[in-house]
Protein backbone atom coordinates (compact mmCIF):
# COMPACT_ATOMS: atom_id res chain seq x y z
CA MET A 1 -75.32 4.54 -64.71
CA PRO A 2 -73.59 4.61 -68.11
CA ALA A 3 -74.04 1.51 -70.25
CA THR A 4 -71.17 -0.94 -70.60
CA THR A 5 -69.32 -0.45 -73.89
CA ALA A 6 -70.06 -3.20 -76.42
CA SER A 7 -67.22 -4.97 -78.23
CA ALA A 8 -66.91 -7.74 -80.80
CA PRO A 9 -67.87 -11.16 -79.36
CA ARG A 10 -64.92 -13.28 -78.35
CA THR A 11 -64.51 -16.68 -80.01
CA LEU A 12 -64.24 -19.76 -77.76
CA ASN A 13 -63.48 -23.04 -79.52
CA ALA A 14 -63.40 -26.59 -78.23
CA LEU A 15 -60.01 -27.82 -76.99
CA VAL A 16 -59.38 -31.43 -78.00
CA PRO A 17 -56.25 -33.66 -78.10
CA SER A 18 -55.32 -32.38 -81.57
CA GLY A 19 -55.61 -28.73 -80.50
CA SER A 20 -58.31 -26.09 -81.01
CA TYR A 21 -61.42 -27.37 -82.78
CA ALA A 22 -63.95 -24.99 -84.41
CA PRO A 23 -67.13 -26.91 -85.30
CA HIS A 24 -69.70 -25.29 -87.60
CA ARG A 25 -72.34 -25.29 -84.87
CA ARG A 26 -71.97 -22.29 -82.58
CA GLU A 27 -74.00 -20.54 -79.91
CA THR A 28 -73.98 -17.00 -78.58
CA VAL A 29 -73.10 -16.36 -74.96
CA SER A 30 -74.87 -13.14 -73.95
CA ASP A 31 -73.96 -10.81 -71.11
CA VAL A 32 -76.36 -9.90 -68.32
CA ALA A 33 -77.88 -7.14 -70.46
CA GLY A 34 -78.64 -9.57 -73.30
CA ARG A 35 -75.87 -8.38 -75.63
CA PRO A 36 -73.71 -10.93 -77.51
CA PHE A 37 -70.47 -11.41 -75.57
CA ALA A 38 -68.88 -14.61 -76.86
CA ASP A 39 -69.20 -17.01 -79.77
CA LEU A 40 -68.99 -20.50 -78.25
CA ALA A 41 -68.38 -23.77 -80.10
CA ARG A 42 -71.01 -26.50 -79.85
CA MET A 43 -69.49 -29.96 -80.24
CA PRO A 44 -71.32 -32.62 -82.28
CA ARG A 45 -72.15 -35.77 -80.30
CA LEU A 46 -69.94 -37.94 -82.52
CA ALA A 47 -67.01 -35.61 -81.93
CA VAL A 48 -67.52 -35.99 -78.16
CA ALA A 49 -67.20 -39.78 -78.34
CA ARG A 50 -64.15 -39.49 -80.61
CA THR A 51 -62.48 -37.01 -78.26
CA VAL A 52 -62.97 -39.26 -75.23
CA GLU A 53 -61.62 -42.27 -77.16
CA GLU A 54 -58.49 -40.34 -78.14
CA MET A 55 -57.98 -39.38 -74.50
CA ARG A 56 -58.45 -42.96 -73.39
CA ARG A 57 -55.73 -44.16 -75.78
CA ALA A 58 -53.22 -41.66 -74.36
CA ASP A 59 -50.82 -42.80 -71.66
CA ALA A 60 -51.91 -41.89 -68.13
CA PRO A 61 -50.33 -38.73 -66.71
CA SER A 62 -47.32 -39.39 -64.48
CA ALA A 63 -48.03 -38.56 -60.86
CA ASP A 64 -44.96 -36.46 -60.05
CA GLY A 65 -44.81 -34.59 -63.35
CA THR A 66 -48.52 -33.80 -63.30
CA ARG A 67 -48.38 -32.30 -59.80
CA GLU A 68 -45.69 -29.88 -60.97
CA VAL A 69 -47.72 -29.00 -64.08
CA ILE A 70 -50.87 -28.36 -62.02
CA ALA A 71 -49.01 -26.04 -59.64
CA ALA A 72 -47.52 -24.12 -62.58
CA ALA A 73 -50.93 -23.93 -64.27
CA GLY A 74 -52.44 -22.34 -61.18
CA ARG A 75 -49.83 -19.60 -61.30
CA LEU A 76 -50.39 -19.09 -65.03
CA PHE A 77 -54.16 -18.94 -64.54
CA ALA A 78 -53.63 -16.09 -62.08
CA THR A 79 -51.05 -14.05 -63.95
CA ALA A 80 -50.63 -14.94 -67.63
CA THR A 81 -52.22 -13.87 -70.89
CA LEU A 82 -53.78 -17.08 -72.22
CA ASP A 83 -55.45 -17.36 -75.64
CA GLY A 84 -55.24 -13.57 -75.85
CA GLU A 85 -56.97 -13.05 -72.50
CA GLY A 86 -55.27 -11.36 -69.56
CA PRO A 87 -56.35 -11.82 -65.93
CA GLU A 88 -58.48 -8.66 -65.86
CA ASP A 89 -60.09 -9.57 -69.21
CA TYR A 90 -61.02 -12.91 -67.65
CA CYS A 91 -62.51 -11.26 -64.55
CA HIS A 92 -64.57 -8.85 -66.66
CA ALA A 93 -65.87 -11.70 -68.83
CA VAL A 94 -67.04 -13.75 -65.84
CA ALA A 95 -68.67 -10.72 -64.22
CA ARG A 96 -70.55 -9.74 -67.38
CA THR A 97 -71.78 -13.21 -68.39
CA ALA A 98 -72.25 -15.02 -65.05
CA GLY A 99 -73.43 -11.87 -63.28
CA LEU A 100 -70.97 -12.48 -60.46
CA PRO A 101 -69.55 -9.50 -58.59
CA LEU A 102 -66.11 -8.62 -59.98
CA THR A 103 -64.56 -9.43 -56.60
CA THR A 104 -65.45 -13.11 -57.12
CA PRO A 105 -63.33 -13.86 -60.23
CA ARG A 106 -60.57 -11.64 -58.81
CA ALA A 107 -60.59 -13.79 -55.68
CA ALA A 108 -60.51 -16.85 -57.96
CA LEU A 109 -57.21 -15.64 -59.44
CA ARG A 110 -55.68 -15.64 -55.97
CA LEU A 111 -57.29 -18.97 -55.13
CA PHE A 112 -55.90 -20.71 -58.23
CA ALA A 113 -52.44 -19.19 -57.74
CA THR A 114 -51.90 -21.20 -54.55
CA GLY A 115 -54.85 -23.59 -54.44
CA ALA A 116 -53.86 -25.58 -57.52
CA ALA A 117 -50.62 -26.65 -55.86
CA ALA A 118 -52.48 -27.56 -52.66
CA ILE A 119 -54.96 -29.66 -54.62
CA ALA A 120 -52.18 -31.51 -56.44
CA ASP A 121 -50.18 -32.14 -53.27
CA GLY A 122 -53.31 -33.14 -51.34
CA ALA A 123 -54.33 -35.81 -53.85
CA ALA A 124 -51.78 -38.24 -52.41
CA GLY A 125 -53.07 -37.57 -48.90
CA GLN A 126 -56.51 -38.87 -49.85
CA ARG A 127 -55.13 -42.41 -50.12
CA PRO A 128 -55.93 -44.76 -47.19
CA THR A 129 -52.83 -45.25 -45.04
CA ALA A 130 -53.00 -49.05 -45.34
CA VAL A 131 -52.86 -48.87 -49.13
CA ALA A 132 -49.56 -48.43 -50.94
CA ALA A 133 -49.16 -45.53 -53.34
CA ARG A 134 -48.90 -46.80 -56.86
CA HIS A 135 -49.59 -45.01 -60.10
CA PRO A 136 -51.03 -47.48 -62.62
CA GLY A 137 -48.80 -47.96 -65.62
CA ALA A 138 -45.89 -46.03 -64.13
CA GLY A 139 -43.50 -49.00 -64.46
CA GLU A 140 -42.87 -49.85 -60.81
CA ALA A 141 -40.95 -53.00 -59.97
CA PRO A 142 -43.10 -56.10 -59.43
CA ALA A 143 -44.52 -56.56 -55.96
CA THR A 144 -42.48 -58.77 -53.64
CA ALA A 145 -45.04 -59.16 -50.82
CA PRO A 146 -48.84 -59.25 -50.60
CA GLY A 147 -50.45 -55.85 -50.31
CA ALA A 148 -52.97 -53.39 -51.69
CA VAL A 149 -52.32 -50.61 -54.17
CA TRP A 150 -54.24 -47.44 -55.01
CA THR A 151 -55.69 -47.70 -58.52
CA ARG A 152 -58.09 -45.75 -60.71
CA ARG A 153 -61.65 -46.90 -61.32
CA GLY A 154 -61.31 -45.72 -64.92
CA ASP A 155 -59.27 -43.64 -67.33
CA VAL A 156 -61.43 -40.63 -68.30
CA LEU A 157 -63.41 -38.32 -66.03
CA ALA A 158 -66.19 -36.16 -67.45
CA VAL A 159 -67.02 -32.88 -65.68
CA LEU A 160 -70.29 -31.06 -66.37
CA ALA A 161 -69.17 -27.76 -64.91
CA PRO A 162 -71.13 -25.15 -62.97
CA GLY A 163 -71.34 -21.48 -63.85
CA ASN A 164 -72.20 -19.99 -60.48
CA HIS A 165 -68.62 -19.73 -59.17
CA PRO A 166 -65.10 -20.39 -60.51
CA GLY A 167 -63.96 -22.28 -57.39
CA PRO A 168 -65.35 -25.77 -58.17
CA HIS A 169 -62.97 -26.03 -61.14
CA LEU A 170 -60.14 -26.52 -58.65
CA GLU A 171 -61.67 -29.83 -57.62
CA TRP A 172 -61.24 -31.67 -60.91
CA LEU A 173 -57.51 -30.97 -60.83
CA THR A 174 -57.45 -33.76 -58.23
CA ALA A 175 -58.40 -36.22 -60.97
CA LEU A 176 -55.45 -35.14 -63.12
CA ALA A 177 -53.11 -35.61 -60.16
CA LEU A 178 -54.50 -39.14 -59.72
CA GLY A 179 -53.80 -40.14 -63.32
CA TYR A 180 -57.16 -39.47 -64.97
CA ARG A 181 -57.66 -37.67 -68.23
CA VAL A 182 -60.39 -35.02 -67.81
CA ALA A 183 -62.98 -33.75 -70.31
CA VAL A 184 -64.94 -30.67 -69.21
CA ARG A 185 -68.23 -29.47 -70.60
CA PRO A 186 -68.36 -25.79 -69.60
CA SER A 187 -71.45 -23.95 -68.45
CA ARG A 188 -72.59 -21.50 -71.11
CA ARG A 189 -72.98 -19.00 -68.28
CA ASP A 190 -69.23 -19.12 -67.54
CA PRO A 191 -67.22 -20.94 -70.21
CA PHE A 192 -64.25 -18.66 -69.48
CA THR A 193 -63.01 -20.27 -66.25
CA PRO A 194 -62.60 -23.83 -67.61
CA ALA A 195 -61.27 -22.55 -70.95
CA ARG A 196 -58.64 -20.47 -69.15
CA LEU A 197 -57.72 -23.40 -66.91
CA VAL A 198 -57.30 -25.83 -69.82
CA HIS A 199 -55.14 -23.26 -71.66
CA ALA A 200 -53.08 -22.78 -68.46
CA LEU A 201 -52.55 -26.53 -68.07
CA ARG A 202 -51.40 -26.88 -71.66
CA ALA A 203 -49.14 -23.85 -71.37
CA ALA A 204 -47.63 -25.46 -68.25
CA GLY A 205 -46.76 -28.59 -70.24
CA LEU A 206 -49.75 -30.91 -69.87
CA ASP A 207 -50.25 -33.30 -72.77
CA PRO A 208 -53.33 -31.97 -74.70
CA ALA A 209 -54.74 -35.52 -74.62
CA HIS A 210 -54.99 -35.31 -70.83
CA CYS A 211 -57.48 -32.44 -70.61
CA ALA A 212 -60.17 -31.27 -73.05
CA LEU A 213 -62.85 -28.57 -73.23
CA VAL A 214 -66.05 -29.95 -74.78
CA PRO A 215 -68.73 -27.23 -75.11
CA GLY A 216 -72.35 -27.97 -75.90
CA GLY A 217 -75.84 -28.41 -74.52
CA HIS A 218 -77.58 -31.25 -72.68
CA GLU A 219 -77.01 -33.64 -75.57
CA VAL A 220 -73.26 -33.08 -75.35
CA GLY A 221 -73.36 -33.51 -71.58
CA ASP A 222 -75.22 -36.81 -71.91
CA ALA A 223 -72.80 -38.00 -74.61
CA LEU A 224 -69.82 -37.08 -72.47
CA VAL A 225 -71.16 -38.90 -69.41
CA ALA A 226 -71.94 -41.96 -71.56
CA ALA A 227 -68.44 -42.01 -73.06
CA ALA A 228 -66.42 -41.37 -69.88
CA ASP A 229 -65.69 -43.89 -67.11
CA ARG A 230 -66.61 -41.60 -64.22
CA SER A 231 -68.39 -38.23 -64.15
CA VAL A 232 -68.86 -35.28 -61.83
CA VAL A 233 -71.89 -33.12 -62.53
CA PHE A 234 -73.00 -29.89 -60.86
CA GLY A 235 -76.50 -28.46 -60.63
CA GLY A 236 -79.79 -28.30 -58.79
CA ASP A 237 -82.58 -30.76 -58.12
CA ASP A 238 -83.08 -31.27 -61.86
CA VAL A 239 -79.50 -32.57 -62.17
CA VAL A 240 -80.04 -34.88 -59.19
CA ARG A 241 -83.11 -36.33 -60.90
CA ARG A 242 -81.27 -36.66 -64.23
CA TYR A 243 -78.12 -38.41 -62.99
CA GLY A 244 -78.70 -39.40 -59.37
CA ALA A 245 -79.38 -43.09 -60.07
CA ASP A 246 -76.14 -43.57 -62.04
CA THR A 247 -73.43 -44.91 -59.73
CA SER A 248 -70.70 -43.79 -62.13
CA VAL A 249 -71.81 -40.16 -61.64
CA PHE A 250 -70.93 -38.04 -58.61
CA VAL A 251 -73.71 -35.45 -58.36
CA GLN A 252 -72.84 -32.10 -56.76
CA GLY A 253 -76.41 -30.90 -56.13
CA PRO A 254 -78.03 -28.28 -53.91
CA GLY A 255 -76.07 -27.34 -50.80
CA ARG A 256 -78.88 -26.26 -48.45
CA SER A 257 -76.25 -24.83 -46.11
CA LYS A 258 -77.33 -23.57 -42.71
CA ILE A 259 -76.40 -21.53 -39.64
CA LEU A 260 -77.36 -22.48 -36.08
CA LEU A 261 -77.38 -19.91 -33.27
CA SER A 262 -77.91 -21.55 -29.88
CA GLU A 263 -79.23 -19.71 -26.85
CA GLY A 264 -76.68 -17.37 -25.31
CA ALA A 265 -74.55 -17.15 -28.46
CA ASP A 266 -73.03 -13.75 -29.17
CA TRP A 267 -74.75 -13.31 -32.52
CA ARG A 268 -74.34 -9.51 -32.45
CA GLY A 269 -70.58 -9.97 -32.45
CA HIS A 270 -70.82 -12.39 -35.38
CA LEU A 271 -73.11 -10.51 -37.77
CA ASP A 272 -70.18 -9.98 -40.14
CA VAL A 273 -69.52 -13.70 -40.54
CA ILE A 274 -73.24 -14.46 -40.78
CA GLU A 275 -73.63 -11.86 -43.54
CA GLU A 276 -70.59 -13.25 -45.37
CA SER A 277 -72.13 -16.72 -45.24
CA LEU A 278 -75.17 -15.36 -47.06
CA THR A 279 -73.57 -12.98 -49.57
CA SER A 280 -70.06 -14.22 -50.41
CA GLY A 281 -69.69 -14.67 -54.17
CA GLY A 282 -73.04 -12.98 -54.74
CA GLY A 283 -74.87 -15.60 -52.67
CA LEU A 284 -74.89 -18.03 -55.61
CA GLY A 285 -72.81 -20.88 -54.17
CA CYS A 286 -73.95 -24.19 -52.73
CA VAL A 287 -72.09 -23.23 -49.54
CA ASN A 288 -73.94 -19.94 -49.09
CA ALA A 289 -76.32 -20.28 -46.15
CA THR A 290 -80.02 -20.41 -47.02
CA ALA A 291 -81.41 -21.21 -43.55
CA LEU A 292 -80.74 -19.56 -40.18
CA LEU A 293 -82.02 -21.44 -37.14
CA VAL A 294 -82.17 -19.60 -33.83
CA GLU A 295 -82.72 -21.06 -30.38
CA GLY A 296 -85.24 -18.72 -28.81
CA ASP A 297 -86.87 -15.76 -30.53
CA PRO A 298 -85.42 -15.39 -34.06
CA ARG A 299 -86.89 -11.93 -34.69
CA PRO A 300 -84.10 -9.77 -33.18
CA VAL A 301 -81.48 -11.61 -35.22
CA ALA A 302 -83.61 -11.44 -38.37
CA GLU A 303 -84.26 -7.73 -38.02
CA ALA A 304 -80.61 -6.87 -37.38
CA LEU A 305 -79.50 -8.98 -40.33
CA ALA A 306 -82.18 -7.54 -42.63
CA ALA A 307 -81.02 -4.00 -41.80
CA ARG A 308 -77.47 -4.88 -42.86
CA LEU A 309 -78.54 -6.66 -46.03
CA ALA A 310 -80.78 -3.77 -47.07
CA ARG A 311 -77.75 -1.47 -47.18
CA LEU A 312 -75.80 -3.51 -49.74
CA PRO A 313 -75.05 -1.35 -52.81
CA VAL A 314 -76.71 -1.91 -56.18
CA ARG A 315 -74.03 -1.99 -58.88
CA ARG A 316 -73.25 -3.49 -62.25
CA PRO A 317 -71.28 -6.74 -61.79
CA GLU A 318 -68.02 -5.29 -63.16
CA ALA A 319 -68.02 -2.46 -60.60
CA PRO A 320 -65.16 -2.84 -58.06
CA ASP A 321 -67.58 -2.58 -55.11
CA ALA A 322 -70.29 -4.88 -56.51
CA VAL A 323 -71.55 -7.52 -54.08
CA LEU A 324 -74.93 -8.55 -55.52
CA PRO A 325 -75.57 -10.88 -58.48
CA VAL A 326 -76.89 -9.44 -61.74
CA THR A 327 -79.15 -11.13 -64.28
CA PRO A 328 -81.20 -10.18 -67.36
CA LEU A 329 -84.20 -8.07 -66.39
CA ALA A 330 -86.78 -10.57 -67.66
CA ARG A 331 -85.21 -13.35 -65.59
CA ALA A 332 -85.10 -11.06 -62.55
CA HIS A 333 -88.87 -10.53 -62.83
CA ALA A 334 -89.41 -14.29 -63.16
CA LEU A 335 -87.30 -14.89 -60.03
CA ARG A 336 -89.32 -12.24 -58.18
CA ASP A 337 -92.53 -14.11 -59.00
CA HIS A 338 -90.94 -17.44 -58.05
CA LEU A 339 -89.81 -16.06 -54.69
CA ALA A 340 -93.28 -14.67 -54.00
CA ARG A 341 -94.82 -18.09 -54.57
CA ARG A 342 -92.26 -19.93 -52.42
CA ALA A 343 -92.59 -17.41 -49.60
CA THR A 344 -96.34 -17.86 -49.18
CA GLY A 345 -97.09 -18.22 -45.46
CA THR A 346 -93.84 -16.61 -44.31
CA GLU A 347 -93.18 -13.09 -43.04
CA ALA A 348 -91.05 -11.04 -45.41
CA LEU A 349 -88.59 -8.63 -43.81
CA LEU A 350 -86.91 -8.33 -47.21
CA GLY A 351 -89.25 -9.78 -49.81
CA ALA A 352 -90.07 -10.16 -53.47
CA ASP A 353 -91.35 -6.59 -53.84
CA GLY A 354 -87.85 -5.20 -53.32
CA LEU A 355 -85.88 -7.93 -55.06
CA VAL A 356 -85.38 -6.42 -58.52
CA ALA A 357 -83.09 -3.39 -58.92
CA ASP A 358 -83.32 -2.34 -62.59
CA LEU A 359 -79.90 -1.19 -63.83
CA GLY A 360 -81.37 0.50 -66.89
CA ASP A 361 -79.48 -1.52 -69.51
CA GLY A 362 -81.63 -4.64 -69.71
CA SER A 363 -80.12 -6.15 -66.55
CA ALA A 364 -81.04 -6.07 -62.89
CA ALA A 365 -79.22 -6.60 -59.61
CA LEU A 366 -80.94 -8.98 -57.22
CA ARG A 367 -81.27 -7.59 -53.70
CA PRO A 368 -81.22 -9.97 -50.71
CA ALA A 369 -84.37 -11.60 -49.38
CA LEU A 370 -85.05 -12.57 -45.76
CA HIS A 371 -88.16 -14.28 -44.45
CA LEU A 372 -89.29 -15.42 -41.00
CA VAL A 373 -90.64 -18.97 -40.85
CA THR A 374 -92.50 -20.42 -37.87
CA ASP A 375 -91.53 -24.10 -38.19
CA PRO A 376 -87.89 -25.29 -38.55
CA ARG A 377 -89.16 -28.35 -40.41
CA ASP A 378 -90.88 -26.24 -43.09
CA PRO A 379 -89.59 -27.45 -46.51
CA VAL A 380 -89.13 -23.82 -47.57
CA LEU A 381 -85.88 -23.78 -45.53
CA GLY A 382 -84.40 -25.91 -48.31
CA ALA A 383 -85.39 -23.51 -51.08
CA GLU A 384 -82.22 -22.16 -52.71
CA MET A 385 -82.32 -19.02 -54.83
CA PRO A 386 -79.68 -17.57 -57.20
CA PHE A 387 -79.20 -14.53 -54.95
CA PRO A 388 -78.72 -13.99 -51.20
CA CYS A 389 -81.89 -15.46 -49.68
CA VAL A 390 -82.26 -16.73 -46.13
CA TRP A 391 -85.15 -18.33 -44.27
CA VAL A 392 -85.02 -17.66 -40.51
CA ALA A 393 -86.76 -20.06 -38.13
CA PRO A 394 -86.85 -20.89 -34.40
CA TRP A 395 -85.06 -24.01 -33.17
CA ASN A 396 -84.96 -25.77 -29.80
CA ARG A 397 -83.18 -28.76 -28.31
CA ARG A 398 -86.21 -30.98 -28.82
CA ASP A 399 -85.89 -30.44 -32.57
CA GLY A 400 -82.42 -32.00 -32.38
CA LEU A 401 -80.38 -32.40 -35.56
CA GLY A 402 -83.42 -32.97 -37.78
CA PRO A 403 -83.69 -29.39 -39.14
CA LEU A 404 -79.89 -29.21 -39.57
CA ARG A 405 -79.44 -32.34 -41.62
CA HIS A 406 -78.77 -32.52 -45.38
CA SER A 407 -76.43 -29.53 -45.27
CA LEU A 408 -73.33 -29.17 -47.39
CA ALA A 409 -72.10 -26.64 -44.81
CA LEU A 410 -73.26 -25.89 -41.28
CA MET A 411 -71.98 -22.97 -39.23
CA THR A 412 -72.59 -23.29 -35.49
CA LEU A 413 -72.55 -20.56 -32.89
CA THR A 414 -72.87 -22.69 -29.75
CA ASP A 415 -70.93 -23.82 -26.72
CA ASP A 416 -72.66 -27.22 -26.78
CA ALA A 417 -69.80 -29.61 -27.57
CA ALA A 418 -72.15 -32.59 -27.74
CA LEU A 419 -74.28 -30.87 -30.37
CA VAL A 420 -71.21 -30.04 -32.46
CA ALA A 421 -69.98 -33.63 -32.17
CA ALA A 422 -73.37 -34.93 -33.29
CA ALA A 423 -73.28 -32.62 -36.32
CA VAL A 424 -69.77 -33.76 -37.24
CA ASN A 425 -70.85 -37.40 -37.02
CA ASP A 426 -74.02 -36.93 -39.09
CA PRO A 427 -73.36 -38.31 -42.60
CA THR A 428 -75.68 -35.75 -44.23
CA ILE A 429 -73.68 -32.76 -42.93
CA ARG A 430 -70.50 -32.45 -44.99
CA ASN A 431 -68.71 -29.41 -43.51
CA VAL A 432 -68.96 -28.00 -39.99
CA PHE A 433 -67.67 -24.49 -39.23
CA LEU A 434 -67.33 -23.26 -35.68
CA GLY A 435 -68.48 -19.70 -35.16
CA THR A 436 -65.79 -17.54 -36.68
CA ARG A 437 -65.77 -19.29 -40.09
CA PRO A 438 -68.51 -18.56 -42.66
CA THR A 439 -70.20 -21.40 -44.50
CA SER A 440 -68.43 -20.22 -47.67
CA THR A 441 -64.99 -21.08 -46.23
CA TYR A 442 -62.91 -23.16 -48.64
CA VAL A 443 -59.55 -24.72 -47.82
CA PRO A 444 -57.88 -26.31 -50.89
CA GLY A 445 -56.93 -29.91 -50.19
CA LEU A 446 -59.64 -30.50 -47.58
CA PRO A 447 -62.81 -32.36 -48.63
CA HIS A 448 -65.70 -30.29 -49.98
CA ASP A 449 -68.34 -33.00 -50.34
CA GLY A 450 -66.06 -35.81 -49.29
CA HIS A 451 -62.71 -36.41 -50.99
CA LEU A 452 -63.06 -36.76 -54.75
CA ALA A 453 -60.58 -39.65 -54.59
CA GLU A 454 -63.18 -41.69 -52.69
CA PHE A 455 -65.18 -41.72 -55.93
CA LEU A 456 -62.29 -41.97 -58.40
CA MET A 457 -60.01 -44.57 -56.80
CA THR A 458 -60.11 -48.00 -55.24
CA ALA A 459 -57.77 -50.43 -53.52
CA THR A 460 -56.57 -53.44 -55.52
CA THR A 461 -54.98 -56.44 -53.83
CA VAL A 462 -51.68 -57.67 -55.31
CA VAL A 463 -50.31 -61.05 -54.16
CA PRO A 464 -47.00 -62.15 -55.74
């Protein structure tokens, strides 16, 4: 394979209420081969606090006007040249730095084109029906009868953004539609998605004081969470440990998504949707399935699935037919060793030995892994990897919902209506997909891990 042509690193500055801010402290964002790709600002802690205070002093966004701006920004994100970056430039940047298959940021363009409007329109629908719509500070006439109104729990939302997929950035648009000002600390793995979205919002007419891009490391993230009223943070178990006890922080942690095949299910006719659940977006998302539970003998399903996964092509991430994630070669070897340790005691149909596909330029594609596990309660079923990796285990009715719990997404292939109803009613299972829908299904406007408004808003009683 020919090496990707190097070019001068792109400059990404902070975006604050006064405009673009270029602090002296910078960091290099490298591509998957270890070459410098972007020069990213690193905000000082004091500048973070000052930025949030400026946002807090700004008037709250108006509900109707902001919805129109968000919809327009989604279209601009998908089609416009923003800060000198066209849509294909954006897709290439995300592929090369995040290691995502090119199809993923291209799909994000389509998702933002229509999804932003759906998010903005859906924000009002998250309000309880017994609570009157009211936008704080919008100048409504005084209340004439007792009632409850929908009000914010604060003024500024901090977002510590993920870098494993562009899609989660749609979610914080809900906060703008509800009257919050939003400050985003981008992932250094993919600073391009939030930067493009903030530029799109400003180009669509959003007041710069209503949305900011605040790059930096952990110290900037901590300062942003401390300064904001509410925060949404994304990450793994380490993020849960760091922020989980703070009630002002909504932690979007590991997904541990699963698939259940009950006895008699036509799994052969659903291998496509099962494979998509594992591999969509490179297999990096919290909604990608990491456990497959099979009523009866799981081996036939595991072997058929392993044969399909083994045929996935090895490509650089910017290739049009890329489907696998790509990472620096040294990290790929570390992940291989980590997988080997976690898989002790399991049977590898696709294991650590075949994980690393050296691309010859300092990067490696990560092939899928599939292991058979004997006990559905084995903790290894909750082990998420940054590549398609699935643990396949037997399940029976006596096991009940126990092995299925604590799942961001659960796909069920079953005709047992009572089992499906129990899964829907389990508070630790957040999305249930019935057979023909992969765990990676996303419908803008429907809750992902509950409605974000549940965390951002409250009902206030008003008695005249």
